[in-house]
């Protein structure tokens, strides 16, 4: 992915996700846990070149009336 594609992807995610979205990463461990992300943090996570992105599983989403994501729950599946 070149810089232009990378910036286009970031802009696309910025339009898709509400500024006030609640974004949770859920951990399935011995103890249940979660981490809260801001919109910026989540966009940074998704646009970092990393093989672990292939293992993100979306658990739940909710959209606003204008179709922006306002709630997103995901987990990072274990890499094989």
C-alpha atoms as a PDB file:
ATOM      1  CA  UNK A   1       0.000   0.000   0.000  1.00  0.00           C
ATOM      2  CA  UNK A   2       1.431   3.361  -0.958  1.00  0.00           C
ATOM      3  CA  UNK A   3       1.032   6.615   0.961  1.00  0.00           C
ATOM      4  CA  UNK A   4      -1.875   7.823  -1.191  1.00  0.00           C
ATOM      5  CA  UNK A   5      -3.832   4.569  -0.627  1.00  0.00           C
ATOM      6  CA  UNK A   6      -3.017   4.698   3.079  1.00  0.00           C
ATOM      7  CA  UNK A   7      -4.348   8.260   3.389  1.00  0.00           C
ATOM      8  CA  UNK A   8      -7.463   7.398   1.372  1.00  0.00           C
ATOM      9  CA  UNK A   9      -8.166   4.471   3.712  1.00  0.00           C
ATOM     10  CA  UNK A  10      -7.742   6.707   6.770  1.00  0.00           C
ATOM     11  CA  UNK A  11     -10.138   9.271   5.256  1.00  0.00           C
ATOM     12  CA  UNK A  12     -12.662   6.539   4.459  1.00  0.00           C
ATOM     13  CA  UNK A  13     -12.555   5.238   8.048  1.00  0.00           C
ATOM     14  CA  UNK A  14     -12.861   8.808   9.347  1.00  0.00           C
ATOM     15  CA  UNK A  15     -16.114   9.235   7.402  1.00  0.00           C
ATOM     16  CA  UNK A  16     -17.468   5.813   8.462  1.00  0.00           C
ATOM     17  CA  UNK A  17     -16.900   6.206  12.208  1.00  0.00           C
ATOM     18  CA  UNK A  18     -18.658   8.825  14.330  1.00  0.00           C
ATOM     19  CA  UNK A  19     -16.455  11.200  16.341  1.00  0.00           C
ATOM     20  CA  UNK A  20     -18.294  10.051  19.479  1.00  0.00           C
ATOM     21  CA  UNK A  21     -18.150   6.313  18.693  1.00  0.00           C
ATOM     22  CA  UNK A  22     -17.569   3.817  21.494  1.00  0.00           C
ATOM     23  CA  UNK A  23     -15.009   1.275  20.299  1.00  0.00           C
ATOM     24  CA  UNK A  24     -14.211  -1.706  22.509  1.00  0.00           C
ATOM     25  CA  UNK A  25     -11.642  -4.449  22.102  1.00  0.00           C
ATOM     26  CA  UNK A  26     -12.845  -7.487  24.039  1.00  0.00           C
ATOM     27  CA  UNK A  27     -10.291  -9.904  25.464  1.00  0.00           C
ATOM     28  CA  UNK A  28     -11.146 -13.541  25.881  1.00  0.00           C
ATOM     29  CA  UNK A  29      -8.766 -14.636  28.582  1.00  0.00           C
ATOM     30  CA  UNK A  30      -8.980 -16.304  31.959  1.00  0.00           C
ATOM     31  CA  UNK A  31     -10.590 -13.058  33.107  1.00  0.00           C
ATOM     32  CA  UNK A  32     -12.869 -11.161  30.783  1.00  0.00           C
ATOM     33  CA  UNK A  33     -11.465  -7.756  29.911  1.00  0.00           C
ATOM     34  CA  UNK A  34     -11.840  -4.946  27.427  1.00  0.00           C
ATOM     35  CA  UNK A  35     -10.048  -1.866  26.179  1.00  0.00           C
ATOM     36  CA  UNK A  36     -11.730   1.343  25.027  1.00  0.00           C
ATOM     37  CA  UNK A  37     -10.388   3.091  21.910  1.00  0.00           C
ATOM     38  CA  UNK A  38     -10.978   6.588  20.634  1.00  0.00           C
ATOM     39  CA  UNK A  39     -11.822   6.996  16.976  1.00  0.00           C
ATOM     40  CA  UNK A  40      -8.252   8.180  16.262  1.00  0.00           C
ATOM     41  CA  UNK A  41      -6.661   5.272  18.141  1.00  0.00           C
ATOM     42  CA  UNK A  42      -8.803   2.751  16.290  1.00  0.00           C
ATOM     43  CA  UNK A  43      -8.054   4.278  12.886  1.00  0.00           C
ATOM     44  CA  UNK A  44      -4.348   4.205  13.765  1.00  0.00           C
ATOM     45  CA  UNK A  45      -4.649   0.535  14.759  1.00  0.00           C
ATOM     46  CA  UNK A  46      -6.386  -0.370  11.498  1.00  0.00           C
ATOM     47  CA  UNK A  47      -3.956   1.494   9.275  1.00  0.00           C
ATOM     48  CA  UNK A  48      -0.721   0.228  10.835  1.00  0.00           C
ATOM     49  CA  UNK A  49       0.935  -2.372   8.632  1.00  0.00           C
ATOM     50  CA  UNK A  50       0.638  -5.539  10.721  1.00  0.00           C
ATOM     51  CA  UNK A  51      -0.306  -9.130   9.988  1.00  0.00           C
ATOM     52  CA  UNK A  52      -2.455  -9.203  13.136  1.00  0.00           C
ATOM     53  CA  UNK A  53      -5.081  -7.077  11.343  1.00  0.00           C
ATOM     54  CA  UNK A  54      -6.126 -10.200   9.449  1.00  0.00           C
ATOM     55  CA  UNK A  55      -7.238 -11.667  12.768  1.00  0.00           C
ATOM     56  CA  UNK A  56      -9.633  -8.934  13.899  1.00  0.00           C
ATOM     57  CA  UNK A  57     -13.166 -10.212  14.362  1.00  0.00           C
ATOM     58  CA  UNK A  58     -16.034  -7.709  14.563  1.00  0.00           C
ATOM     59  CA  UNK A  59     -18.473  -8.832  17.260  1.00  0.00           C
ATOM     60  CA  UNK A  60     -21.075  -6.057  17.156  1.00  0.00           C
ATOM     61  CA  UNK A  61     -21.750  -2.717  15.465  1.00  0.00           C
ATOM     62  CA  UNK A  62     -24.446  -0.089  15.779  1.00  0.00           C
ATOM     63  CA  UNK A  63     -25.023   2.755  13.342  1.00  0.00           C
ATOM     64  CA  UNK A  64     -26.430   6.261  13.675  1.00  0.00           C
ATOM     65  CA  UNK A  65     -29.360   7.433  11.508  1.00  0.00           C
ATOM     66  CA  UNK A  66     -26.796   8.902   9.074  1.00  0.00           C
ATOM     67  CA  UNK A  67     -25.132   5.442   8.908  1.00  0.00           C
ATOM     68  CA  UNK A  68     -21.938   6.233  10.840  1.00  0.00           C
ATOM     69  CA  UNK A  69     -20.616   3.631  13.253  1.00  0.00           C
ATOM     70  CA  UNK A  70     -21.447   4.704  16.822  1.00  0.00           C
ATOM     71  CA  UNK A  71     -20.608   1.437  18.614  1.00  0.00           C
ATOM     72  CA  UNK A  72     -18.119  -1.233  17.655  1.00  0.00           C
ATOM     73  CA  UNK A  73     -16.973  -4.285  19.599  1.00  0.00           C
ATOM     74  CA  UNK A  74     -14.145  -6.430  18.248  1.00  0.00           C
ATOM     75  CA  UNK A  75     -11.602  -8.970  19.340  1.00  0.00           C
ATOM     76  CA  UNK A  76      -8.176  -9.967  18.176  1.00  0.00           C
ATOM     77  CA  UNK A  77      -8.286 -13.686  17.402  1.00  0.00           C
ATOM     78  CA  UNK A  78      -5.236 -15.757  18.211  1.00  0.00           C
ATOM     79  CA  UNK A  79      -2.860 -16.122  15.293  1.00  0.00           C
ATOM     80  CA  UNK A  80      -2.516 -19.761  14.164  1.00  0.00           C
END
